[in-house]
All heavy atoms as atom14 arrays in JSON, in Angstrom:
{
  "sequence": "KRDSLPRYCIDCDVRFACNGECPKNRFLLTPDGEPGLNYLCAGYKTFF",
  "atom14_mask": [
    [1, 1, 1, 1, 1, 1, 1, 1, 1, 0, 0, 0, 0, 0],
    [1, 1, 1, 1, 1, 1, 1, 1, 1, 1, 1, 0, 0, 0],
    [1, 1, 1, 1, 1, 1, 1, 1, 0, 0, 0, 0, 0, 0],
    [1, 1, 1, 1, 1, 1, 0, 0, 0, 0, 0, 0, 0, 0],
    [1, 1, 1, 1, 1, 1, 1, 1, 0, 0, 0, 0, 0, 0],
    [1, 1, 1, 1, 1, 1, 1, 0, 0, 0, 0, 0, 0, 0],
    [1, 1, 1, 1, 1, 1, 1, 1, 1, 1, 1, 0, 0, 0],
    [1, 1, 1, 1, 1, 1, 1, 1, 1, 1, 1, 1, 0, 0],
    [1, 1, 1, 1, 1, 1, 0, 0, 0, 0, 0, 0, 0, 0],
    [1, 1, 1, 1, 1, 1, 1, 1, 0, 0, 0, 0, 0, 0],
    [1, 1, 1, 1, 1, 1, 1, 1, 0, 0, 0, 0, 0, 0],
    [1, 1, 1, 1, 1, 1, 0, 0, 0, 0, 0, 0, 0, 0],
    [1, 1, 1, 1, 1, 1, 1, 1, 0, 0, 0, 0, 0, 0],
    [1, 1, 1, 1, 1, 1, 1, 0, 0, 0, 0, 0, 0, 0],
    [1, 1, 1, 1, 1, 1, 1, 1, 1, 1, 1, 0, 0, 0],
    [1, 1, 1, 1, 1, 1, 1, 1, 1, 1, 1, 0, 0, 0],
    [1, 1, 1, 1, 1, 0, 0, 0, 0, 0, 0, 0, 0, 0],
    [1, 1, 1, 1, 1, 1, 0, 0, 0, 0, 0, 0, 0, 0],
    [1, 1, 1, 1, 1, 1, 1, 1, 0, 0, 0, 0, 0, 0],
    [1, 1, 1, 1, 0, 0, 0, 0, 0, 0, 0, 0, 0, 0],
    [1, 1, 1, 1, 1, 1, 1, 1, 1, 0, 0, 0, 0, 0],
    [1, 1, 1, 1, 1, 1, 0, 0, 0, 0, 0, 0, 0, 0],
    [1, 1, 1, 1, 1, 1, 1, 0, 0, 0, 0, 0, 0, 0],
    [1, 1, 1, 1, 1, 1, 1, 1, 1, 0, 0, 0, 0, 0],
    [1, 1, 1, 1, 1, 1, 1, 1, 0, 0, 0, 0, 0, 0],
    [1, 1, 1, 1, 1, 1, 1, 1, 1, 1, 1, 0, 0, 0],
    [1, 1, 1, 1, 1, 1, 1, 1, 1, 1, 1, 0, 0, 0],
    [1, 1, 1, 1, 1, 1, 1, 1, 0, 0, 0, 0, 0, 0],
    [1, 1, 1, 1, 1, 1, 1, 1, 0, 0, 0, 0, 0, 0],
    [1, 1, 1, 1, 1, 1, 1, 0, 0, 0, 0, 0, 0, 0],
    [1, 1, 1, 1, 1, 1, 1, 0, 0, 0, 0, 0, 0, 0],
    [1, 1, 1, 1, 1, 1, 1, 1, 0, 0, 0, 0, 0, 0],
    [1, 1, 1, 1, 0, 0, 0, 0, 0, 0, 0, 0, 0, 0],
    [1, 1, 1, 1, 1, 1, 1, 1, 1, 0, 0, 0, 0, 0],
    [1, 1, 1, 1, 1, 1, 1, 0, 0, 0, 0, 0, 0, 0],
    [1, 1, 1, 1, 0, 0, 0, 0, 0, 0, 0, 0, 0, 0],
    [1, 1, 1, 1, 1, 1, 1, 1, 0, 0, 0, 0, 0, 0],
    [1, 1, 1, 1, 1, 1, 1, 1, 0, 0, 0, 0, 0, 0],
    [1, 1, 1, 1, 1, 1, 1, 1, 1, 1, 1, 1, 0, 0],
    [1, 1, 1, 1, 1, 1, 1, 1, 0, 0, 0, 0, 0, 0],
    [1, 1, 1, 1, 1, 1, 0, 0, 0, 0, 0, 0, 0, 0],
    [1, 1, 1, 1, 1, 0, 0, 0, 0, 0, 0, 0, 0, 0],
    [1, 1, 1, 1, 0, 0, 0, 0, 0, 0, 0, 0, 0, 0],
    [1, 1, 1, 1, 1, 1, 1, 1, 1, 1, 1, 1, 0, 0],
    [1, 1, 1, 1, 1, 1, 1, 1, 1, 0, 0, 0, 0, 0],
    [1, 1, 1, 1, 1, 1, 1, 0, 0, 0, 0, 0, 0, 0],
    [1, 1, 1, 1, 1, 1, 1, 1, 1, 1, 1, 0, 0, 0],
    [1, 1, 1, 1, 1, 1, 1, 1, 1, 1, 1, 0, 0, 0]
  ],
  "atom14_positions": [
    [[0.84, -1.16, -0.02], [0.02, 0.04, 0.0], [0.89, 1.2, 0.03], [0.68, 2.21, -0.75], [-0.95, 0.03, 1.13], [-1.79, 1.25, 1.33], [-2.64, 1.3, 2.52], [-3.54, 2.62, 2.47], [-4.33, 2.74, 3.69], [0.0, 0.0, 0.0], [0.0, 0.0, 0.0], [0.0, 0.0, 0.0], [0.0, 0.0, 0.0], [0.0, 0.0, 0.0]],
    [[1.93, 1.23, 0.84], [2.84, 2.36, 0.86], [3.87, 2.33, -0.28], [4.11, 3.42, -0.9], [3.6, 2.28, 2.2], [4.75, 3.38, 2.36], [5.62, 2.91, 3.5], [6.28, 1.66, 3.23], [6.6, 0.68, 4.13], [6.35, 0.94, 5.43], [7.26, -0.38, 3.73], [0.0, 0.0, 0.0], [0.0, 0.0, 0.0], [0.0, 0.0, 0.0]],
    [[4.38, 1.23, -0.59], [5.41, 1.17, -1.57], [5.01, 1.3, -3.03], [5.81, 1.61, -3.86], [6.17, -0.15, -1.42], [6.81, -0.43, -0.02], [7.02, 0.66, 0.71], [7.05, -1.5, 0.42], [0.0, 0.0, 0.0], [0.0, 0.0, 0.0], [0.0, 0.0, 0.0], [0.0, 0.0, 0.0], [0.0, 0.0, 0.0], [0.0, 0.0, 0.0]],
    [[3.72, 1.22, -3.28], [3.2, 1.32, -4.61], [2.56, 2.63, -4.93], [1.98, 2.84, -6.03], [2.22, 0.17, -4.93], [1.05, 0.38, -4.08], [0.0, 0.0, 0.0], [0.0, 0.0, 0.0], [0.0, 0.0, 0.0], [0.0, 0.0, 0.0], [0.0, 0.0, 0.0], [0.0, 0.0, 0.0], [0.0, 0.0, 0.0], [0.0, 0.0, 0.0]],
    [[2.61, 3.56, -4.08], [2.07, 4.97, -4.31], [2.73, 5.54, -5.51], [3.93, 5.51, -5.52], [2.21, 5.76, -3.0], [1.27, 5.66, -1.9], [1.66, 6.61, -0.8], [-0.15, 6.01, -2.44], [0.0, 0.0, 0.0], [0.0, 0.0, 0.0], [0.0, 0.0, 0.0], [0.0, 0.0, 0.0], [0.0, 0.0, 0.0], [0.0, 0.0, 0.0]],
    [[1.92, 6.11, -6.4], [2.55, 6.88, -7.47], [3.14, 8.15, -7.02], [2.85, 8.66, -5.95], [1.34, 7.09, -8.44], [0.15, 7.02, -7.55], [0.49, 6.04, -6.49], [0.0, 0.0, 0.0], [0.0, 0.0, 0.0], [0.0, 0.0, 0.0], [0.0, 0.0, 0.0], [0.0, 0.0, 0.0], [0.0, 0.0, 0.0], [0.0, 0.0, 0.0]],
    [[4.05, 8.68, -7.75], [4.7, 9.98, -7.31], [3.66, 11.05, -7.12], [3.96, 11.92, -6.24], [5.67, 10.42, -8.48], [6.36, 11.7, -8.32], [7.1, 11.86, -7.02], [8.12, 10.79, -6.81], [8.9, 10.65, -5.76], [8.66, 11.47, -4.73], [9.71, 9.68, -5.66], [0.0, 0.0, 0.0], [0.0, 0.0, 0.0], [0.0, 0.0, 0.0]],
    [[2.64, 11.06, -7.83], [1.64, 12.12, -7.66], [1.07, 12.08, -6.22], [0.83, 13.21, -5.62], [0.49, 11.84, -8.68], [-0.74, 12.83, -8.62], [-0.57, 14.13, -9.19], [-1.85, 12.63, -7.93], [-1.62, 15.01, -9.22], [-2.9, 13.53, -7.96], [-2.79, 14.78, -8.54], [-3.83, 15.66, -8.44], [0.0, 0.0, 0.0], [0.0, 0.0, 0.0]],
    [[0.94, 10.94, -5.6], [0.43, 10.79, -4.25], [1.54, 11.12, -3.22], [1.39, 11.74, -2.2], [-0.05, 9.37, -4.03], [-1.56, 9.01, -4.91], [0.0, 0.0, 0.0], [0.0, 0.0, 0.0], [0.0, 0.0, 0.0], [0.0, 0.0, 0.0], [0.0, 0.0, 0.0], [0.0, 0.0, 0.0], [0.0, 0.0, 0.0], [0.0, 0.0, 0.0]],
    [[2.76, 10.6, -3.58], [3.91, 10.84, -2.68], [4.14, 12.34, -2.44], [4.47, 12.82, -1.36], [5.18, 10.11, -3.19], [5.01, 8.65, -3.2], [6.41, 10.59, -2.45], [6.17, 7.85, -3.85], [0.0, 0.0, 0.0], [0.0, 0.0, 0.0], [0.0, 0.0, 0.0], [0.0, 0.0, 0.0], [0.0, 0.0, 0.0], [0.0, 0.0, 0.0]],
    [[3.97, 13.15, -3.46], [4.23, 14.58, -3.45], [2.99, 15.38, -3.02], [3.05, 16.64, -2.87], [4.64, 15.07, -4.85], [5.96, 14.53, -5.26], [6.75, 14.13, -4.37], [6.23, 14.49, -6.46], [0.0, 0.0, 0.0], [0.0, 0.0, 0.0], [0.0, 0.0, 0.0], [0.0, 0.0, 0.0], [0.0, 0.0, 0.0], [0.0, 0.0, 0.0]],
    [[1.82, 14.74, -2.7], [0.7, 15.42, -2.33], [0.71, 15.97, -0.92], [1.26, 15.39, -0.01], [-0.46, 14.41, -2.37], [-2.13, 15.18, -2.04], [0.0, 0.0, 0.0], [0.0, 0.0, 0.0], [0.0, 0.0, 0.0], [0.0, 0.0, 0.0], [0.0, 0.0, 0.0], [0.0, 0.0, 0.0], [0.0, 0.0, 0.0], [0.0, 0.0, 0.0]],
    [[0.21, 17.18, -0.75], [0.22, 17.83, 0.52], [-0.62, 17.15, 1.6], [-0.42, 17.4, 2.83], [-0.34, 19.24, 0.31], [0.59, 20.18, -0.41], [1.86, 19.8, -0.35], [0.21, 21.19, -0.92], [0.0, 0.0, 0.0], [0.0, 0.0, 0.0], [0.0, 0.0, 0.0], [0.0, 0.0, 0.0], [0.0, 0.0, 0.0], [0.0, 0.0, 0.0]],
    [[-1.72, 16.35, 1.18], [-2.5, 15.75, 2.14], [-2.22, 14.14, 2.2], [-3.03, 13.44, 2.83], [-4.04, 15.89, 1.91], [-4.34, 17.38, 1.82], [-4.43, 15.39, 0.54], [0.0, 0.0, 0.0], [0.0, 0.0, 0.0], [0.0, 0.0, 0.0], [0.0, 0.0, 0.0], [0.0, 0.0, 0.0], [0.0, 0.0, 0.0], [0.0, 0.0, 0.0]],
    [[-1.07, 13.72, 1.73], [-0.76, 12.34, 1.81], [-0.74, 11.86, 3.3], [-1.15, 10.71, 3.52], [0.61, 12.1, 1.22], [1.1, 10.61, 1.3], [2.57, 10.4, 1.06], [2.85, 9.12, 1.43], [4.13, 8.6, 1.41], [5.17, 9.37, 1.02], [4.35, 7.29, 1.74], [0.0, 0.0, 0.0], [0.0, 0.0, 0.0], [0.0, 0.0, 0.0]],
    [[-0.33, 12.69, 4.21], [-0.2, 12.23, 5.67], [-1.53, 11.87, 6.18], [-1.61, 11.11, 7.13], [0.34, 13.4, 6.44], [-0.59, 14.46, 6.67], [-1.28, 14.64, 7.86], [-0.71, 15.54, 5.78], [-2.17, 15.68, 8.15], [-1.61, 16.56, 5.92], [-2.36, 16.64, 7.14], [0.0, 0.0, 0.0], [0.0, 0.0, 0.0], [0.0, 0.0, 0.0]],
    [[-2.66, 12.36, 5.58], [-3.94, 12.0, 6.15], [-4.58, 10.96, 5.24], [-5.48, 10.2, 5.72], [-4.83, 13.31, 6.13], [0.0, 0.0, 0.0], [0.0, 0.0, 0.0], [0.0, 0.0, 0.0], [0.0, 0.0, 0.0], [0.0, 0.0, 0.0], [0.0, 0.0, 0.0], [0.0, 0.0, 0.0], [0.0, 0.0, 0.0], [0.0, 0.0, 0.0]],
    [[-4.31, 10.88, 4.0], [-4.94, 10.02, 3.0], [-4.21, 8.72, 2.79], [-4.78, 7.63, 2.77], [-5.17, 10.7, 1.71], [-5.76, 9.74, 0.4], [0.0, 0.0, 0.0], [0.0, 0.0, 0.0], [0.0, 0.0, 0.0], [0.0, 0.0, 0.0], [0.0, 0.0, 0.0], [0.0, 0.0, 0.0], [0.0, 0.0, 0.0], [0.0, 0.0, 0.0]],
    [[-2.88, 8.8, 2.54], [-1.99, 7.77, 2.25], [-2.48, 6.82, 1.07], [-2.37, 5.65, 0.97], [-1.82, 6.83, 3.5], [-0.92, 7.45, 4.41], [0.31, 7.76, 4.08], [-1.28, 7.69, 5.74], [0.0, 0.0, 0.0], [0.0, 0.0, 0.0], [0.0, 0.0, 0.0], [0.0, 0.0, 0.0], [0.0, 0.0, 0.0], [0.0, 0.0, 0.0]],
    [[-3.15, 7.5, 0.1], [-3.71, 6.77, -1.1], [-4.94, 6.05, -0.86], [-5.4, 5.4, -1.76], [0.0, 0.0, 0.0], [0.0, 0.0, 0.0], [0.0, 0.0, 0.0], [0.0, 0.0, 0.0], [0.0, 0.0, 0.0], [0.0, 0.0, 0.0], [0.0, 0.0, 0.0], [0.0, 0.0, 0.0], [0.0, 0.0, 0.0], [0.0, 0.0, 0.0]],
    [[-5.58, 6.24, 0.31], [-6.81, 5.49, 0.71], [-6.65, 4.0, 0.39], [-5.5, 3.45, 0.42], [-8.0, 6.11, 0.02], [-9.34, 6.04, 0.83], [-10.32, 5.08, 0.21], [-10.09, 4.62, -0.93], [-11.38, 4.93, 0.8], [0.0, 0.0, 0.0], [0.0, 0.0, 0.0], [0.0, 0.0, 0.0], [0.0, 0.0, 0.0], [0.0, 0.0, 0.0]],
    [[-7.73, 3.27, 0.16], [-7.65, 1.77, 0.12], [-7.16, 1.37, -1.27], [-7.59, 1.92, -2.29], [-9.09, 1.3, 0.31], [-9.14, -0.56, 0.3], [0.0, 0.0, 0.0], [0.0, 0.0, 0.0], [0.0, 0.0, 0.0], [0.0, 0.0, 0.0], [0.0, 0.0, 0.0], [0.0, 0.0, 0.0], [0.0, 0.0, 0.0], [0.0, 0.0, 0.0]],
    [[-6.28, 0.43, -1.36], [-5.76, -0.12, -2.6], [-6.83, -0.65, -3.53], [-6.61, -0.63, -4.75], [-4.78, -1.29, -2.22], [-4.35, -0.87, -0.81], [-5.64, -0.23, -0.16], [0.0, 0.0, 0.0], [0.0, 0.0, 0.0], [0.0, 0.0, 0.0], [0.0, 0.0, 0.0], [0.0, 0.0, 0.0], [0.0, 0.0, 0.0], [0.0, 0.0, 0.0]],
    [[-7.96, -0.99, -2.92], [-9.06, -1.42, -3.89], [-9.57, -0.46, -4.8], [-10.22, -0.79, -5.77], [-10.19, -2.13, -3.06], [-11.06, -1.03, -2.31], [-12.15, -1.71, -1.54], [-12.91, -0.61, -0.78], [-13.55, 0.28, -1.48], [0.0, 0.0, 0.0], [0.0, 0.0, 0.0], [0.0, 0.0, 0.0], [0.0, 0.0, 0.0], [0.0, 0.0, 0.0]],
    [[-9.39, 0.81, -4.43], [-9.84, 1.9, -5.32], [-8.75, 2.51, -6.16], [-9.03, 3.5, -6.83], [-10.42, 3.04, -4.35], [-11.68, 2.54, -3.62], [-12.48, 1.82, -4.11], [-11.88, 3.05, -2.44], [0.0, 0.0, 0.0], [0.0, 0.0, 0.0], [0.0, 0.0, 0.0], [0.0, 0.0, 0.0], [0.0, 0.0, 0.0], [0.0, 0.0, 0.0]],
    [[-7.58, 2.01, -6.2], [-6.45, 2.54, -6.94], [-6.39, 2.03, -8.43], [-5.63, 1.22, -8.68], [-5.21, 2.33, -6.25], [-5.05, 3.01, -4.87], [-3.64, 2.68, -4.34], [-3.45, 3.2, -2.92], [-2.43, 2.88, -2.27], [-1.35, 2.28, -2.84], [-2.2, 3.5, -1.04], [0.0, 0.0, 0.0], [0.0, 0.0, 0.0], [0.0, 0.0, 0.0]],
    [[-7.34, 2.47, -9.21], [-7.36, 2.01, -10.61], [-7.38, 3.14, -11.63], [-7.64, 2.86, -12.8], [-8.54, 1.08, -10.79], [-9.83, 1.59, -10.48], [-10.58, 2.41, -11.32], [-10.4, 1.43, -9.11], [-11.85, 2.94, -10.98], [-11.61, 2.04, -8.77], [-12.38, 2.75, -9.69], [0.0, 0.0, 0.0], [0.0, 0.0, 0.0], [0.0, 0.0, 0.0]],
    [[-7.01, 4.33, -11.28], [-6.95, 5.36, -12.21], [-5.52, 5.68, -12.52], [-4.55, 5.25, -11.79], [-7.56, 6.7, -11.65], [-9.07, 6.71, -11.36], [-9.55, 8.11, -10.94], [-9.86, 6.19, -12.59], [0.0, 0.0, 0.0], [0.0, 0.0, 0.0], [0.0, 0.0, 0.0], [0.0, 0.0, 0.0], [0.0, 0.0, 0.0], [0.0, 0.0, 0.0]],
    [[-5.28, 6.4, -13.58], [-3.91, 6.87, -13.91], [-3.78, 8.34, -13.41], [-4.73, 9.12, -13.31], [-3.7, 6.94, -15.43], [-3.8, 5.56, -16.21], [-3.63, 5.82, -17.69], [-2.77, 4.58, -15.59], [0.0, 0.0, 0.0], [0.0, 0.0, 0.0], [0.0, 0.0, 0.0], [0.0, 0.0, 0.0], [0.0, 0.0, 0.0], [0.0, 0.0, 0.0]],
    [[-2.58, 8.7, -12.89], [-2.31, 9.99, -12.55], [-2.22, 10.96, -13.67], [-2.15, 10.54, -14.81], [-1.01, 10.09, -11.69], [0.11, 9.86, -12.65], [-0.82, 9.08, -10.64], [0.0, 0.0, 0.0], [0.0, 0.0, 0.0], [0.0, 0.0, 0.0], [0.0, 0.0, 0.0], [0.0, 0.0, 0.0], [0.0, 0.0, 0.0], [0.0, 0.0, 0.0]],
    [[-2.22, 12.35, -13.43], [-2.04, 13.24, -14.57], [-0.84, 12.94, -15.43], [-0.82, 13.3, -16.6], [-2.06, 14.6, -13.84], [-2.77, 14.38, -12.64], [-2.45, 13.0, -12.16], [0.0, 0.0, 0.0], [0.0, 0.0, 0.0], [0.0, 0.0, 0.0], [0.0, 0.0, 0.0], [0.0, 0.0, 0.0], [0.0, 0.0, 0.0], [0.0, 0.0, 0.0]],
    [[0.16, 12.32, -14.81], [1.36, 12.0, -15.5], [1.32, 10.64, -16.2], [2.32, 10.18, -16.85], [2.59, 12.02, -14.55], [2.85, 13.47, -13.99], [2.58, 14.4, -14.71], [3.26, 13.58, -12.88], [0.0, 0.0, 0.0], [0.0, 0.0, 0.0], [0.0, 0.0, 0.0], [0.0, 0.0, 0.0], [0.0, 0.0, 0.0], [0.0, 0.0, 0.0]],
    [[0.22, 9.85, -16.06], [-0.02, 8.73, -16.63], [0.52, 7.44, -15.93], [0.67, 6.36, -16.43], [0.0, 0.0, 0.0], [0.0, 0.0, 0.0], [0.0, 0.0, 0.0], [0.0, 0.0, 0.0], [0.0, 0.0, 0.0], [0.0, 0.0, 0.0], [0.0, 0.0, 0.0], [0.0, 0.0, 0.0], [0.0, 0.0, 0.0], [0.0, 0.0, 0.0]],
    [[0.87, 7.68, -14.6], [1.29, 6.58, -13.71], [0.11, 5.9, -13.15], [-0.92, 6.55, -12.68], [2.2, 7.22, -12.65], [2.89, 6.05, -11.77], [3.88, 6.72, -10.76], [3.88, 7.99, -10.7], [4.52, 5.95, -10.03], [0.0, 0.0, 0.0], [0.0, 0.0, 0.0], [0.0, 0.0, 0.0], [0.0, 0.0, 0.0], [0.0, 0.0, 0.0]],
    [[0.05, 4.61, -13.08], [-1.07, 3.83, -12.58], [-1.09, 3.93, -11.05], [0.01, 4.18, -10.49], [-0.78, 2.4, -13.12], [0.7, 2.31, -13.24], [1.12, 3.62, -13.69], [0.0, 0.0, 0.0], [0.0, 0.0, 0.0], [0.0, 0.0, 0.0], [0.0, 0.0, 0.0], [0.0, 0.0, 0.0], [0.0, 0.0, 0.0], [0.0, 0.0, 0.0]],
    [[-2.22, 3.7, -10.5], [-2.33, 3.55, -9.06], [-2.99, 4.66, -8.34], [-2.99, 4.79, -7.11], [0.0, 0.0, 0.0], [0.0, 0.0, 0.0], [0.0, 0.0, 0.0], [0.0, 0.0, 0.0], [0.0, 0.0, 0.0], [0.0, 0.0, 0.0], [0.0, 0.0, 0.0], [0.0, 0.0, 0.0], [0.0, 0.0, 0.0], [0.0, 0.0, 0.0]],
    [[-3.62, 5.7, -9.07], [-4.31, 6.78, -8.41], [-5.68, 6.24, -7.96], [-6.37, 5.54, -8.66], [-4.48, 7.83, -9.45], [-5.17, 9.15, -8.83], [-4.25, 9.82, -7.79], [-5.48, 10.12, -10.0], [0.0, 0.0, 0.0], [0.0, 0.0, 0.0], [0.0, 0.0, 0.0], [0.0, 0.0, 0.0], [0.0, 0.0, 0.0], [0.0, 0.0, 0.0]],
    [[-6.04, 6.68, -6.74], [-7.31, 6.35, -6.17], [-8.49, 6.92, -6.87], [-8.43, 8.18, -7.17], [-7.32, 6.73, -4.7], [-8.44, 5.97, -3.88], [-9.57, 6.29, -4.1], [-8.04, 5.14, -3.0], [0.0, 0.0, 0.0], [0.0, 0.0, 0.0], [0.0, 0.0, 0.0], [0.0, 0.0, 0.0], [0.0, 0.0, 0.0], [0.0, 0.0, 0.0]],
    [[-9.6, 6.18, -7.12], [-10.7, 6.77, -7.81], [-11.32, 7.93, -7.09], [-11.79, 8.88, -7.66], [-11.79, 5.7, -7.89], [-13.13, 6.11, -8.34], [-13.33, 6.49, -9.64], [-14.17, 6.19, -7.5], [-14.59, 6.93, -10.12], [-15.47, 6.61, -7.9], [-15.63, 6.97, -9.18], [-16.85, 7.52, -9.57], [0.0, 0.0, 0.0], [0.0, 0.0, 0.0]],
    [[-11.19, 7.95, -5.76], [-11.81, 9.0, -4.98], [-10.85, 10.17, -4.64], [-11.11, 10.99, -3.86], [-12.4, 8.5, -3.67], [-13.48, 7.48, -3.77], [-13.77, 6.86, -2.48], [-14.72, 8.14, -4.28], [0.0, 0.0, 0.0], [0.0, 0.0, 0.0], [0.0, 0.0, 0.0], [0.0, 0.0, 0.0], [0.0, 0.0, 0.0], [0.0, 0.0, 0.0]],
    [[-9.67, 10.17, -5.32], [-8.69, 11.09, -4.95], [-9.09, 12.59, -5.01], [-8.89, 13.3, -4.05], [-7.45, 10.92, -5.94], [-6.19, 12.25, -5.84], [0.0, 0.0, 0.0], [0.0, 0.0, 0.0], [0.0, 0.0, 0.0], [0.0, 0.0, 0.0], [0.0, 0.0, 0.0], [0.0, 0.0, 0.0], [0.0, 0.0, 0.0], [0.0, 0.0, 0.0]],
    [[-9.76, 13.03, -6.05], [-10.23, 14.37, -6.19], [-11.04, 14.75, -4.96], [-10.9, 15.9, -4.39], [-11.02, 14.58, -7.53], [0.0, 0.0, 0.0], [0.0, 0.0, 0.0], [0.0, 0.0, 0.0], [0.0, 0.0, 0.0], [0.0, 0.0, 0.0], [0.0, 0.0, 0.0], [0.0, 0.0, 0.0], [0.0, 0.0, 0.0], [0.0, 0.0, 0.0]],
    [[-11.98, 13.9, -4.56], [-12.86, 14.16, -3.51], [-12.04, 14.32, -2.18], [-12.27, 15.26, -1.37], [0.0, 0.0, 0.0], [0.0, 0.0, 0.0], [0.0, 0.0, 0.0], [0.0, 0.0, 0.0], [0.0, 0.0, 0.0], [0.0, 0.0, 0.0], [0.0, 0.0, 0.0], [0.0, 0.0, 0.0], [0.0, 0.0, 0.0], [0.0, 0.0, 0.0]],
    [[-11.26, 13.32, -1.92], [-10.49, 13.3, -0.59], [-9.48, 14.45, -0.55], [-9.32, 15.13, 0.5], [-9.64, 12.08, -0.59], [-10.36, 10.88, 0.06], [-10.53, 9.7, -0.61], [-11.02, 11.02, 1.21], [-11.24, 8.58, -0.11], [-11.81, 9.94, 1.77], [-11.88, 8.74, 1.05], [-12.59, 7.77, 1.56], [0.0, 0.0, 0.0], [0.0, 0.0, 0.0]],
    [[-8.89, 14.85, -1.71], [-7.94, 16.03, -1.68], [-8.62, 17.23, -1.33], [-8.17, 18.04, -0.54], [-7.21, 16.12, -3.07], [-6.04, 17.06, -3.08], [-5.24, 16.92, -4.36], [-3.98, 17.84, -4.32], [-3.16, 17.65, -5.56], [0.0, 0.0, 0.0], [0.0, 0.0, 0.0], [0.0, 0.0, 0.0], [0.0, 0.0, 0.0], [0.0, 0.0, 0.0]],
    [[-9.84, 17.47, -1.96], [-10.71, 18.69, -1.64], [-11.09, 18.64, -0.13], [-10.94, 19.73, 0.58], [-11.84, 18.82, -2.56], [-11.43, 18.77, -3.82], [-12.67, 20.02, -2.28], [0.0, 0.0, 0.0], [0.0, 0.0, 0.0], [0.0, 0.0, 0.0], [0.0, 0.0, 0.0], [0.0, 0.0, 0.0], [0.0, 0.0, 0.0], [0.0, 0.0, 0.0]],
    [[-11.44, 17.53, 0.32], [-11.93, 17.41, 1.64], [-10.88, 17.66, 2.67], [-10.93, 18.52, 3.64], [-12.49, 16.0, 1.95], [-12.75, 15.64, 3.4], [-13.69, 16.38, 4.16], [-12.04, 14.63, 3.98], [-13.9, 16.1, 5.51], [-12.21, 14.34, 5.38], [-13.19, 15.01, 6.07], [0.0, 0.0, 0.0], [0.0, 0.0, 0.0], [0.0, 0.0, 0.0]],
    [[-9.71, 17.02, 2.58], [-8.65, 17.17, 3.54], [-8.03, 18.57, 3.47], [-7.56, 19.05, 4.53], [-7.49, 16.12, 3.33], [-7.84, 14.75, 3.75], [-7.85, 13.64, 2.86], [-8.28, 14.48, 5.08], [-8.15, 12.33, 3.29], [-8.62, 13.18, 5.44], [-8.56, 12.17, 4.69], [0.0, 0.0, 0.0], [0.0, 0.0, 0.0], [0.0, 0.0, 0.0]]
  ]
}
């Protein structure tokens, strides 16, 4: 869960609270085209 985070998540300001959320939801591509972005990322980023 930690080791497979894409760079987009690693560099995110709210990673400390989100940590990429559940791996079951990580099926999107990041803006840079890297796999492993959480489907709910946009919502969680806005919320946190």
